[in-house]
Structure formats: structure tokens, C-alpha cells
Amino acid sequence: MALRMDCRNIVALTRPSRDFSFTLSLLVFVVSASIRFALAPLAAGSDVGQFWAFAKTFQIYGLDFYNHNDVPLEFWPYGWPYCYPPIWLLLLALSYFLAPVSEAYSPAWRLVVKAPIIVADLSIGFILLRMFPENRRLGLIASSLWLLNPWSIYISSIFGQFDAISVVFLFSSVYMFESKRTISGGVLSGLALMTKQYALFPICLILLSLLRERGLRHALTALLTVVSVFVAFTVPFSLTTAFRRYVETVWLVRLNPYYPNPLCYSFNGIFSLLTYLHNLYGWDTLQYFETSFILLVSLLVASGIHIMLRRPSDYDQVALLGILSLLITFWLVNPQYLVAFIPFMIVDGVRNLKYRKWTKALFLTAFVPSVWLWVFDVSLWFRLYGFSNEAAIRLLQLLRLTSYRSDIYYLAFSVVLSCLLASYFLLIIKLKVLILELFKIGRQLFKQLSERFLFRR
């Protein structure tokens, strides 16, 4: 009896206490926030200055913005248009109100425009921490894997892209749906959609899962809530902009494929390869880009069949299927798109490490994007726009983050990444078992029809 009590005491001592877990979690958040906010004013991707131009344009035209979103004004650093839903535009307007600077790439603008992105990053970390209430250690691990992930730091604090805002809305909606708060989940899903268009694919699968798991009433409630958010943000701009132009500008913008050059920013293996062959040999491979949409629909249909047959209860895994479908098949996968899958894969991986044979290996896919940083010259964003920081550049040189490679390296990277993402997708839906289940259902259906119509006397 005494020996048993001693063993229990030893086990209790080896478990991290609640106070220690809280202290460690706080430390991770402070460190990750400090790194992000310290880097924010020192670096800027090309879009950071263009965001400043969009904010000034919105100040001039107001709700008539989408009639002028593709007409460069004299203060635009680049000529490319604003082709996103309104939420990011409104955040840009708020940023410009707080920092009405005259230079597109000034340190003040860099910090202010990245602040909501960094807050979204930290919020994702907090949600990850809360998604494992039964095991604080797992929550801390999941949160740390996101907050200290080099890729999430690079995209938000250096490159300055806002995908984390859409992801935090989508991630929060998953948390709400799992907590059976349907309306809150629908509102957050709508906000995710009105921040970045690709949220549509995971949202559709989540709604299908709601239908299968909780019934028509909950699915319709969530759908109507998403539509209400869409209407709330669309109607004000449609009053001054023709609805057709708004739809074409925002929702149909990626339907005309082009070669995604330079290849260092293309992260889909199939279409990076087709682009590489075009660049190297001059072959007309653009005609094959149309297959992107067929492949995307095919994976979404496979995901839908998986949901209807298996009834997966983890909405984060369902959302991950939608995101993976896009990343595996879409002809244009920019660096910032990869932010979307990482937190969902972290949750799915942490939850299933004990239950799946290959999860331990494929789980590392969440960290593969970070490898790209060591085959790219990250210091470019610290010196390109006139506010060079020599100390930061020297640190990047010490970390070997200043090496630009030939296209074959980026092609190989995108092919490997796509293969890993496709492997994880197949791991989730268990394609072989799914096909056998469909064959079994088809055989039973054929037997029933035969008995009813062919062998009826």
C-alpha cells in the first residue's frame, strides 16, 4: 500500500502543475509577440506599400472604392488591383486613420498595418491553447507549435500578409461549432469568408458536416447566418458599385489562369512544374491549367462523401479537408495561403498522434513551409524599400536566411510539399476504404433495384 502511494506521488510530481503550465504559456506568448512586433517595422513585403495605396484610395472614394480598385493612381507603388472582400479594406482604412503617413513603406505604417495580423496570430495561439481543456500540456504544445512556427512569423511580421485574420475567424468558428454555438460559428465563418475568398471551401464542408451530424435545422441556421454576414458587408458597397462588377472583381478574380511566375512564390507542385516546363522549353502548358478547377471539385466531392459516410465529429478536420483540397489542386498557391492549413493540421495531428500510424511523420508537414525560408533571401524585405536595418540583415546572414536559389529548387520544394499535403488528405479520408464502402453501397443499391424491378413477377 505504501509503495502504491509512493508511486502515485512520483507520478504527481512528474506532471506539470497548473501554475507551471500557465507560466510557460505566458512565456511563449510574450516571446512570440515580442518577436513579431519587433520585426514588424523593420521589414515589408511589396503588398505592404500597396495596402497603404488602397487605404488612401478608399479615403478618396469611400464606398465607391470597387469602381476604382483596379485603376492605379499616381501614389500607387504598383499597378495590381485590390481583389479581396471588404473586411481587410476596412481594417486598412482604420490603420490609415491611426497612422496617416505620407510614405508607403514607412516604419510607422508597417507596424500599424501588421498589428491586426499579429493580433490574429496570437489569437490563433490562444484558441489552440483552449482546444485541449482536458490536457493542458497538449494545449501548450499545440499553441507553441503555431506561435513559434517560423512560417507564421514570416508571413505576418515580415511579409505582411493578412491571411491569419481570415484563419482566426475560421478557426474560431470551428471552436464555436464544436461548442454547439451555431449562430456564433456562422457569424465567424461569414467574417472569414469576407476577409479571404478561399474560406468558402472549408465553410461548405463544415456546413455539410453540420447537416450530417446535427441535422437540417442547425445547418440551415449556420448557412443563413453566413449569408447574412455576406449581405451585411456586400450591400453598402453594392449601393455605389454595380453588383456584377463587385462579383467579378472579388469572387471571380482567379478564374483566368496565368503562369505563376516567379516560381519562388508558387507553392503548387503540379502547376509549378507546368510553369517550369513553359519557362525552360517554351511549351504552351497554360491549356492544362483549366484542370485545376476539375481537380478541386473532385477533392471537395470526395471530402463530402467522406463526411456523409463517416460522420466525422471534428470540425477542425473537416475544415482542414477543404483547405487541403485548395492547396493540392488550385493553380495559384501563394506563400500566404499556407498559413491556412497549419493550425488545423496542428490540432488534427496532436489529437490523433496515438491513433494513426503515419500521423507522426506527416504531422511534420505543418513545418515544411518554414524550410523555404532557408532557400530564399529573406533579407530582401529588410532592405528593398529604403529603410534598411543592417543589424537585422547581419542576423539573417548568421541564420543562413539570405540565399536565393535557382528555379529547380523552388520547383522541387513545391512538388514535395504538394505530395505531403496530398498524403495527409488521403490519410484523413482513407481513400481505399472509401472506395470499398462506395462499392458496397452501390452493390446493395443494385441488388435492391434488381429485386424490385427485374425479378418482380
Protein backbone atom coordinates (compact mmCIF):
# COMPACT_ATOMS: atom_id res chain seq x y z
CA MET A 1 0.00 0.00 0.00
CA ALA A 2 2.81 2.38 0.92
CA LEU A 3 4.62 1.51 -2.31
CA ARG A 4 1.48 2.29 -4.32
CA MET A 5 1.13 5.69 -2.60
CA ASP A 6 4.78 6.49 -3.29
CA CYS A 7 4.28 5.66 -6.98
CA ARG A 8 1.27 7.97 -7.12
CA ASN A 9 3.27 10.76 -5.53
CA ILE A 10 6.07 10.30 -8.05
CA VAL A 11 3.60 10.44 -10.97
CA ALA A 12 2.01 13.56 -9.50
CA LEU A 13 5.40 15.23 -9.20
CA THR A 14 6.30 14.46 -12.81
CA ARG A 15 3.11 16.10 -14.13
CA PRO A 16 3.41 19.83 -14.82
CA SER A 17 1.43 21.83 -12.31
CA ARG A 18 -1.29 24.24 -13.39
CA ASP A 19 0.82 27.22 -12.28
CA PHE A 20 3.83 25.97 -14.24
CA SER A 21 1.70 25.44 -17.37
CA PHE A 22 0.29 28.95 -17.05
CA THR A 23 3.77 30.45 -16.59
CA LEU A 24 5.13 28.56 -19.59
CA SER A 25 2.14 29.53 -21.75
CA LEU A 26 2.57 33.18 -20.77
CA LEU A 27 6.26 32.99 -21.62
CA VAL A 28 5.54 31.54 -25.06
CA PHE A 29 3.00 34.29 -25.77
CA VAL A 30 5.32 37.07 -24.58
CA VAL A 31 8.27 35.75 -26.62
CA SER A 32 6.22 35.20 -29.79
CA ALA A 33 4.53 38.60 -29.51
CA SER A 34 7.87 40.33 -28.88
CA ILE A 35 9.45 38.71 -31.93
CA ARG A 36 6.53 39.66 -34.15
CA PHE A 37 6.20 43.28 -33.03
CA ALA A 38 9.99 43.78 -33.12
CA LEU A 39 10.19 42.56 -36.74
CA ALA A 40 7.08 44.38 -37.96
CA PRO A 41 8.55 47.89 -38.52
CA LEU A 42 11.85 46.55 -39.85
CA ALA A 43 10.61 44.66 -42.93
CA ALA A 44 7.90 44.90 -45.56
CA GLY A 45 6.75 42.78 -48.47
CA SER A 46 5.66 44.50 -51.67
CA ASP A 47 1.99 44.39 -50.69
CA VAL A 48 2.52 46.46 -47.54
CA GLY A 49 3.03 49.63 -49.59
CA GLN A 50 0.21 48.69 -51.92
CA PHE A 51 -2.06 48.31 -48.89
CA TRP A 52 -1.20 51.92 -47.99
CA ALA A 53 -2.27 52.94 -51.51
CA PHE A 54 -5.56 51.06 -51.20
CA ALA A 55 -6.25 52.78 -47.87
CA LYS A 56 -5.66 56.22 -49.45
CA THR A 57 -7.85 55.28 -52.41
CA PHE A 58 -10.64 54.23 -50.06
CA GLN A 59 -10.28 57.55 -48.24
CA ILE A 60 -10.87 59.32 -51.57
CA TYR A 61 -13.72 57.23 -52.99
CA GLY A 62 -15.34 55.67 -49.91
CA LEU A 63 -17.96 53.03 -50.70
CA ASP A 64 -17.38 53.65 -54.41
CA PHE A 65 -13.97 52.02 -53.97
CA TYR A 66 -14.65 48.91 -56.06
CA ASN A 67 -15.28 51.07 -59.14
CA HIS A 68 -11.67 52.27 -58.81
CA ASN A 69 -9.91 49.27 -57.27
CA ASP A 70 -8.05 48.43 -60.50
CA VAL A 71 -7.28 51.96 -61.72
CA PRO A 72 -3.80 52.92 -60.43
CA LEU A 73 -3.47 56.41 -59.06
CA GLU A 74 -0.22 58.37 -59.06
CA PHE A 75 0.65 57.35 -55.50
CA TRP A 76 0.26 53.59 -56.07
CA PRO A 77 3.64 51.80 -55.76
CA TYR A 78 2.41 49.01 -58.06
CA GLY A 79 -0.36 48.57 -60.58
CA TRP A 80 -2.06 45.46 -59.28
CA PRO A 81 -5.68 45.78 -58.09
CA TYR A 82 -7.43 45.21 -54.78
CA CYS A 83 -9.30 41.92 -55.31
CA TYR A 84 -10.38 40.97 -51.78
CA PRO A 85 -13.65 41.22 -49.84
CA PRO A 86 -14.28 44.35 -47.76
CA ILE A 87 -13.09 43.40 -44.24
CA TRP A 88 -9.40 43.86 -44.96
CA LEU A 89 -10.17 47.12 -46.78
CA LEU A 90 -11.96 48.43 -43.69
CA LEU A 91 -9.02 47.41 -41.50
CA LEU A 92 -6.68 49.24 -43.89
CA ALA A 93 -8.85 52.34 -43.59
CA LEU A 94 -8.63 52.10 -39.79
CA SER A 95 -4.85 51.65 -39.98
CA TYR A 96 -4.50 54.72 -42.18
CA PHE A 97 -6.68 56.72 -39.78
CA LEU A 98 -4.34 55.76 -36.93
CA ALA A 99 -1.18 56.40 -38.97
CA PRO A 100 -1.86 58.88 -41.81
CA VAL A 101 1.73 58.71 -43.06
CA SER A 102 2.92 60.04 -46.42
CA GLU A 103 5.31 57.19 -47.27
CA ALA A 104 4.02 53.80 -48.40
CA TYR A 105 6.74 51.81 -46.64
CA SER A 106 7.42 53.95 -43.59
CA PRO A 107 8.14 52.03 -40.34
CA ALA A 108 5.03 53.52 -38.72
CA TRP A 109 2.78 52.18 -41.50
CA ARG A 110 4.48 48.79 -41.41
CA LEU A 111 3.79 48.46 -37.69
CA VAL A 112 0.20 49.72 -37.76
CA VAL A 113 -0.90 47.68 -40.77
CA LYS A 114 0.65 44.49 -39.39
CA ALA A 115 -0.73 44.94 -35.86
CA PRO A 116 -4.15 43.31 -36.57
CA ILE A 117 -2.40 40.44 -38.36
CA ILE A 118 -0.14 39.85 -35.35
CA VAL A 119 -3.14 40.01 -33.02
CA ALA A 120 -4.80 37.36 -35.21
CA ASP A 121 -1.65 35.22 -34.93
CA LEU A 122 -1.69 35.46 -31.15
CA SER A 123 -5.43 34.76 -31.05
CA ILE A 124 -4.94 31.54 -33.01
CA GLY A 125 -2.35 30.52 -30.42
CA PHE A 126 -4.81 31.26 -27.63
CA ILE A 127 -7.56 29.19 -29.29
CA LEU A 128 -5.12 26.29 -29.73
CA LEU A 129 -4.38 26.52 -26.03
CA ARG A 130 -8.10 26.33 -25.22
CA MET A 131 -8.89 23.44 -27.58
CA PHE A 132 -7.39 20.88 -25.18
CA PRO A 133 -9.03 21.66 -21.81
CA GLU A 134 -8.59 18.07 -20.66
CA ASN A 135 -4.84 18.18 -21.21
CA ARG A 136 -3.08 21.50 -20.65
CA ARG A 137 0.22 20.09 -21.84
CA LEU A 138 -1.22 19.23 -25.26
CA GLY A 139 -2.75 22.69 -25.48
CA LEU A 140 0.60 24.27 -24.67
CA ILE A 141 2.35 22.12 -27.27
CA ALA A 142 -0.21 22.94 -29.97
CA SER A 143 -0.12 26.66 -29.16
CA SER A 144 3.70 26.75 -29.16
CA LEU A 145 3.90 24.92 -32.49
CA TRP A 146 1.91 27.75 -34.05
CA LEU A 147 3.23 30.78 -32.17
CA LEU A 148 6.89 29.81 -32.65
CA ASN A 149 6.44 28.50 -36.18
CA PRO A 150 8.88 30.45 -38.41
CA TRP A 151 6.41 30.48 -41.29
CA SER A 152 3.60 32.17 -39.35
CA ILE A 153 6.11 34.74 -38.06
CA TYR A 154 7.44 35.38 -41.56
CA ILE A 155 4.04 35.85 -43.22
CA SER A 156 2.60 38.20 -40.60
CA SER A 157 5.58 40.18 -39.33
CA ILE A 158 7.97 40.27 -42.31
CA PHE A 159 6.00 39.66 -45.50
CA GLY A 160 2.94 41.45 -44.11
CA GLN A 161 0.08 39.35 -45.50
CA PHE A 162 -3.27 39.23 -43.74
CA ASP A 163 -4.38 35.61 -44.19
CA ALA A 164 -4.11 34.99 -40.43
CA ILE A 165 -7.13 37.26 -39.93
CA SER A 166 -9.32 35.05 -42.11
CA VAL A 167 -7.85 31.96 -40.46
CA VAL A 168 -8.56 33.20 -36.91
CA PHE A 169 -12.20 33.80 -37.86
CA LEU A 170 -12.45 30.35 -39.44
CA PHE A 171 -10.63 28.70 -36.55
CA SER A 172 -12.87 30.46 -34.04
CA SER A 173 -15.94 29.31 -35.94
CA VAL A 174 -14.76 25.70 -35.66
CA TYR A 175 -14.34 26.18 -31.91
CA MET A 176 -17.88 27.59 -31.71
CA PHE A 177 -19.41 24.79 -33.77
CA GLU A 178 -17.71 22.20 -31.58
CA SER A 179 -19.15 24.05 -28.56
CA LYS A 180 -22.62 23.81 -30.23
CA ARG A 181 -22.91 27.58 -30.68
CA THR A 182 -24.30 27.52 -34.19
CA ILE A 183 -25.08 31.21 -34.68
CA SER A 184 -21.71 32.38 -33.33
CA GLY A 185 -19.99 29.83 -35.57
CA GLY A 186 -21.95 31.09 -38.58
CA VAL A 187 -21.07 34.72 -37.87
CA LEU A 188 -17.36 33.91 -37.59
CA SER A 189 -17.48 31.78 -40.75
CA GLY A 190 -19.05 34.71 -42.58
CA LEU A 191 -16.32 37.04 -41.31
CA ALA A 192 -13.67 34.56 -42.52
CA LEU A 193 -15.30 34.48 -45.96
CA MET A 194 -15.50 38.27 -46.15
CA THR A 195 -11.80 38.52 -45.35
CA LYS A 196 -10.39 35.95 -47.80
CA GLN A 197 -12.31 34.12 -50.52
CA TYR A 198 -10.76 30.68 -50.11
CA ALA A 199 -12.54 30.30 -46.75
CA LEU A 200 -15.55 29.29 -48.88
CA PHE A 201 -14.26 25.73 -49.35
CA PRO A 202 -13.80 24.73 -45.70
CA ILE A 203 -17.04 26.54 -44.81
CA CYS A 204 -19.02 24.47 -47.34
CA LEU A 205 -17.65 21.24 -45.85
CA ILE A 206 -18.34 22.44 -42.30
CA LEU A 207 -21.97 23.15 -43.24
CA LEU A 208 -22.25 19.68 -44.78
CA SER A 209 -20.82 18.16 -41.61
CA LEU A 210 -23.33 20.14 -39.54
CA LEU A 211 -26.12 18.76 -41.71
CA ARG A 212 -24.88 15.20 -41.24
CA GLU A 213 -24.04 15.48 -37.55
CA ARG A 214 -26.67 17.81 -36.09
CA GLY A 215 -29.48 17.94 -38.64
CA LEU A 216 -31.06 20.28 -41.16
CA ARG A 217 -32.12 22.97 -38.66
CA HIS A 218 -28.60 23.65 -37.40
CA ALA A 219 -27.12 23.53 -40.90
CA LEU A 220 -29.70 26.00 -42.24
CA THR A 221 -29.21 28.29 -39.24
CA ALA A 222 -25.46 28.37 -39.87
CA LEU A 223 -25.93 28.87 -43.62
CA LEU A 224 -28.37 31.75 -43.17
CA THR A 225 -26.02 33.37 -40.66
CA VAL A 226 -23.11 33.16 -43.12
CA VAL A 227 -25.30 34.62 -45.88
CA SER A 228 -26.43 37.43 -43.54
CA VAL A 229 -22.81 38.42 -42.86
CA PHE A 230 -22.10 38.29 -46.59
CA VAL A 231 -25.07 40.57 -47.31
CA ALA A 232 -24.19 42.96 -44.48
CA PHE A 233 -20.75 43.65 -45.96
CA THR A 234 -21.80 43.48 -49.62
CA VAL A 235 -24.85 45.74 -49.69
CA PRO A 236 -23.11 49.01 -48.64
CA PHE A 237 -20.59 48.67 -51.48
CA SER A 238 -23.25 47.48 -53.96
CA LEU A 239 -25.16 50.73 -53.48
CA THR A 240 -22.43 52.61 -55.32
CA THR A 241 -20.77 49.78 -57.28
CA ALA A 242 -22.60 47.64 -59.83
CA PHE A 243 -23.17 44.26 -58.19
CA ARG A 244 -21.85 42.47 -61.27
CA ARG A 245 -18.59 44.40 -61.13
CA TYR A 246 -18.25 43.67 -57.41
CA VAL A 247 -18.77 39.94 -58.02
CA GLU A 248 -16.33 39.86 -60.95
CA THR A 249 -13.71 41.87 -59.06
CA VAL A 250 -13.85 39.94 -55.79
CA TRP A 251 -15.35 36.49 -56.39
CA LEU A 252 -14.39 35.61 -59.98
CA VAL A 253 -10.91 37.09 -59.95
CA ARG A 254 -8.95 33.80 -60.10
CA LEU A 255 -10.93 32.12 -62.89
CA ASN A 256 -8.47 33.16 -65.63
CA PRO A 257 -5.22 31.25 -65.01
CA TYR A 258 -1.77 32.56 -65.88
CA TYR A 259 1.75 31.30 -65.31
CA PRO A 260 2.60 31.87 -61.61
CA ASN A 261 6.00 33.50 -62.08
CA PRO A 262 8.38 33.86 -60.34
CA LEU A 263 8.43 30.22 -59.30
CA CYS A 264 9.82 31.00 -55.84
CA TYR A 265 6.33 32.24 -54.90
CA SER A 266 4.41 29.31 -56.41
CA PHE A 267 3.57 26.53 -53.95
CA ASN A 268 1.50 24.09 -56.01
CA GLY A 269 3.64 21.26 -57.35
CA ILE A 270 1.54 20.46 -60.43
CA PHE A 271 1.30 23.98 -61.79
CA SER A 272 4.82 24.94 -60.75
CA LEU A 273 6.01 22.03 -62.90
CA LEU A 274 3.88 23.15 -65.86
CA THR A 275 5.22 26.69 -65.47
CA TYR A 276 8.80 25.44 -65.24
CA LEU A 277 8.40 23.44 -68.47
CA HIS A 278 6.99 26.52 -70.16
CA ASN A 279 9.85 28.71 -68.95
CA LEU A 280 12.52 26.15 -69.88
CA TYR A 281 11.25 24.79 -73.20
CA GLY A 282 8.66 27.32 -74.29
CA TRP A 283 5.86 24.74 -74.24
CA ASP A 284 2.29 26.00 -74.10
CA THR A 285 1.22 24.36 -70.86
CA LEU A 286 -1.33 27.02 -69.89
CA GLN A 287 -4.08 24.97 -71.55
CA TYR A 288 -3.73 22.39 -68.76
CA PHE A 289 -4.35 24.94 -66.02
CA GLU A 290 -8.11 24.60 -66.55
CA THR A 291 -7.89 21.13 -64.98
CA SER A 292 -7.29 22.90 -61.68
CA PHE A 293 -11.00 23.52 -61.21
CA ILE A 294 -11.93 19.93 -62.09
CA LEU A 295 -9.38 18.59 -59.60
CA LEU A 296 -10.60 20.98 -56.90
CA VAL A 297 -14.22 19.93 -57.34
CA SER A 298 -13.16 16.26 -57.32
CA LEU A 299 -11.41 16.55 -53.97
CA LEU A 300 -14.30 18.52 -52.49
CA VAL A 301 -16.74 15.84 -53.66
CA ALA A 302 -14.51 13.12 -52.16
CA SER A 303 -14.44 15.10 -48.91
CA GLY A 304 -18.22 15.44 -48.99
CA ILE A 305 -18.68 11.70 -49.50
CA HIS A 306 -16.29 11.06 -46.60
CA ILE A 307 -18.37 13.38 -44.40
CA MET A 308 -21.69 11.79 -45.34
CA LEU A 309 -20.44 8.22 -44.85
CA ARG A 310 -18.16 8.62 -41.84
CA ARG A 311 -19.80 11.46 -39.91
CA PRO A 312 -16.52 12.96 -38.61
CA SER A 313 -17.19 14.85 -35.38
CA ASP A 314 -14.07 17.04 -35.51
CA TYR A 315 -14.96 20.20 -37.43
CA ASP A 316 -11.32 21.22 -37.50
CA GLN A 317 -10.53 18.10 -39.54
CA VAL A 318 -13.43 18.85 -41.88
CA ALA A 319 -12.13 22.41 -42.39
CA LEU A 320 -8.65 21.00 -43.00
CA LEU A 321 -10.03 18.85 -45.83
CA GLY A 322 -11.41 21.98 -47.54
CA ILE A 323 -8.12 23.85 -47.18
CA LEU A 324 -6.05 20.88 -48.39
CA SER A 325 -8.35 20.47 -51.40
CA LEU A 326 -7.50 24.02 -52.43
CA LEU A 327 -3.75 23.81 -51.78
CA ILE A 328 -3.35 20.48 -53.60
CA THR A 329 -5.28 21.41 -56.75
CA PHE A 330 -5.52 25.18 -57.26
CA TRP A 331 -3.30 26.67 -59.95
CA LEU A 332 -2.25 29.64 -57.80
CA VAL A 333 -0.99 28.95 -54.28
CA ASN A 334 0.83 31.97 -52.91
CA PRO A 335 3.10 31.80 -49.83
CA GLN A 336 0.48 33.31 -47.51
CA TYR A 337 -2.11 30.65 -48.40
CA LEU A 338 -0.06 28.08 -46.49
CA VAL A 339 -0.87 29.84 -43.22
CA ALA A 340 -4.41 28.47 -43.52
CA PHE A 341 -3.63 24.77 -43.12
CA ILE A 342 -1.03 24.93 -40.34
CA PRO A 343 -3.22 25.46 -37.21
CA PHE A 344 -5.79 22.92 -38.39
CA MET A 345 -3.10 20.34 -39.08
CA ILE A 346 -1.56 21.02 -35.66
CA VAL A 347 -4.90 20.30 -33.96
CA ASP A 348 -5.57 17.20 -36.05
CA GLY A 349 -2.04 15.92 -35.55
CA VAL A 350 -1.96 16.48 -31.79
CA ARG A 351 -5.37 14.84 -31.36
CA ASN A 352 -4.50 11.76 -33.40
CA LEU A 353 -0.84 11.08 -32.69
CA LYS A 354 -1.78 7.96 -30.70
CA TYR A 355 -4.32 6.62 -33.17
CA ARG A 356 -2.85 6.88 -36.65
CA LYS A 357 0.18 5.02 -37.87
CA TRP A 358 1.51 7.69 -40.24
CA THR A 359 0.38 10.83 -38.45
CA LYS A 360 3.69 11.24 -36.61
CA ALA A 361 5.56 11.54 -39.91
CA LEU A 362 3.01 13.55 -41.92
CA PHE A 363 2.34 15.84 -38.96
CA LEU A 364 5.72 17.43 -39.75
CA THR A 365 4.12 18.86 -42.92
CA ALA A 366 2.95 21.76 -40.73
CA PHE A 367 6.60 22.83 -40.51
CA VAL A 368 7.70 22.12 -44.09
CA PRO A 369 6.85 25.66 -45.35
CA SER A 370 9.48 27.02 -42.95
CA VAL A 371 12.18 25.13 -44.88
CA TRP A 372 11.56 27.51 -47.80
CA LEU A 373 12.96 30.37 -45.72
CA TRP A 374 16.42 28.77 -45.97
CA VAL A 375 16.34 28.70 -49.78
CA PHE A 376 15.16 32.30 -50.13
CA ASP A 377 16.75 35.67 -49.42
CA VAL A 378 14.57 36.86 -46.53
CA SER A 379 16.79 39.94 -46.11
CA LEU A 380 15.22 41.27 -49.32
CA TRP A 381 12.25 42.59 -47.34
CA PHE A 382 14.58 44.32 -44.85
CA ARG A 383 16.43 46.39 -47.48
CA LEU A 384 14.19 46.75 -50.54
CA TYR A 385 12.20 49.88 -49.72
CA GLY A 386 14.67 52.37 -48.32
CA PHE A 387 14.57 51.60 -44.59
CA SER A 388 17.42 49.10 -44.38
CA ASN A 389 18.30 47.65 -40.97
CA GLU A 390 21.88 46.39 -41.03
CA ALA A 391 21.71 44.64 -37.65
CA ALA A 392 18.69 42.59 -38.76
CA ILE A 393 20.37 41.73 -42.06
CA ARG A 394 23.54 40.54 -40.29
CA LEU A 395 21.42 38.35 -38.01
CA LEU A 396 19.69 36.84 -41.05
CA GLN A 397 23.09 36.17 -42.60
CA LEU A 398 24.18 34.32 -39.46
CA LEU A 399 20.99 32.24 -39.65
CA ARG A 400 21.64 31.46 -43.36
CA LEU A 401 18.39 33.15 -44.42
CA THR A 402 19.89 35.17 -47.26
CA SER A 403 20.34 32.59 -50.04
CA TYR A 404 18.37 32.87 -53.27
CA ARG A 405 18.29 29.67 -55.38
CA SER A 406 17.52 28.70 -58.96
CA ASP A 407 14.00 27.72 -60.03
CA ILE A 408 14.69 23.99 -59.80
CA TYR A 409 14.97 24.28 -56.01
CA TYR A 410 11.60 26.00 -55.70
CA LEU A 411 10.03 23.50 -58.09
CA ALA A 412 11.33 20.59 -56.01
CA PHE A 413 10.09 22.23 -52.84
CA SER A 414 6.57 22.81 -54.18
CA VAL A 415 6.34 19.25 -55.54
CA VAL A 416 7.40 17.73 -52.20
CA LEU A 417 5.01 19.99 -50.28
CA SER A 418 2.08 19.10 -52.56
CA CYS A 419 2.85 15.37 -52.20
CA LEU A 420 2.88 15.68 -48.41
CA LEU A 421 -0.39 17.62 -48.37
CA ALA A 422 -1.99 15.07 -50.70
CA SER A 423 -0.75 12.24 -48.47
CA TYR A 424 -2.34 13.86 -45.42
CA PHE A 425 -5.59 14.34 -47.34
CA LEU A 426 -5.64 10.65 -48.30
CA LEU A 427 -4.80 9.70 -44.71
CA ILE A 428 -7.88 11.53 -43.45
CA ILE A 429 -10.41 10.22 -45.96
CA LYS A 430 -8.84 6.72 -46.21
CA LEU A 431 -9.43 6.61 -49.96
CA LYS A 432 -9.12 2.84 -50.40
CA VAL A 433 -11.65 2.15 -47.64
CA LEU A 434 -13.91 4.90 -49.01
CA ILE A 435 -13.94 3.32 -52.47
CA LEU A 436 -14.76 -0.09 -50.97
CA GLU A 437 -17.60 1.46 -48.95
CA LEU A 438 -19.00 3.15 -52.06
CA PHE A 439 -18.71 -0.13 -53.99
CA LYS A 440 -20.57 -1.93 -51.19
CA ILE A 441 -23.32 0.72 -51.16
CA GLY A 442 -23.59 0.55 -54.94
CA ARG A 443 -23.85 -3.24 -54.89
CA GLN A 444 -26.59 -3.13 -52.24
CA LEU A 445 -28.47 -0.48 -54.22
CA PHE A 446 -28.18 -2.52 -57.42
CA LYS A 447 -29.44 -5.61 -55.59
CA GLN A 448 -32.46 -3.71 -54.22
CA LEU A 449 -33.31 -2.27 -57.63
CA SER A 450 -32.92 -5.68 -59.24
CA GLU A 451 -35.23 -7.32 -56.74
CA ARG A 452 -37.77 -4.54 -57.20
CA PHE A 453 -37.85 -4.21 -61.00
CA LEU A 454 -36.11 -7.13 -62.70
CA PHE A 455 -37.30 -10.08 -60.66
CA ARG A 456 -40.78 -8.88 -59.85
CA ARG A 457 -43.41 -11.32 -61.02
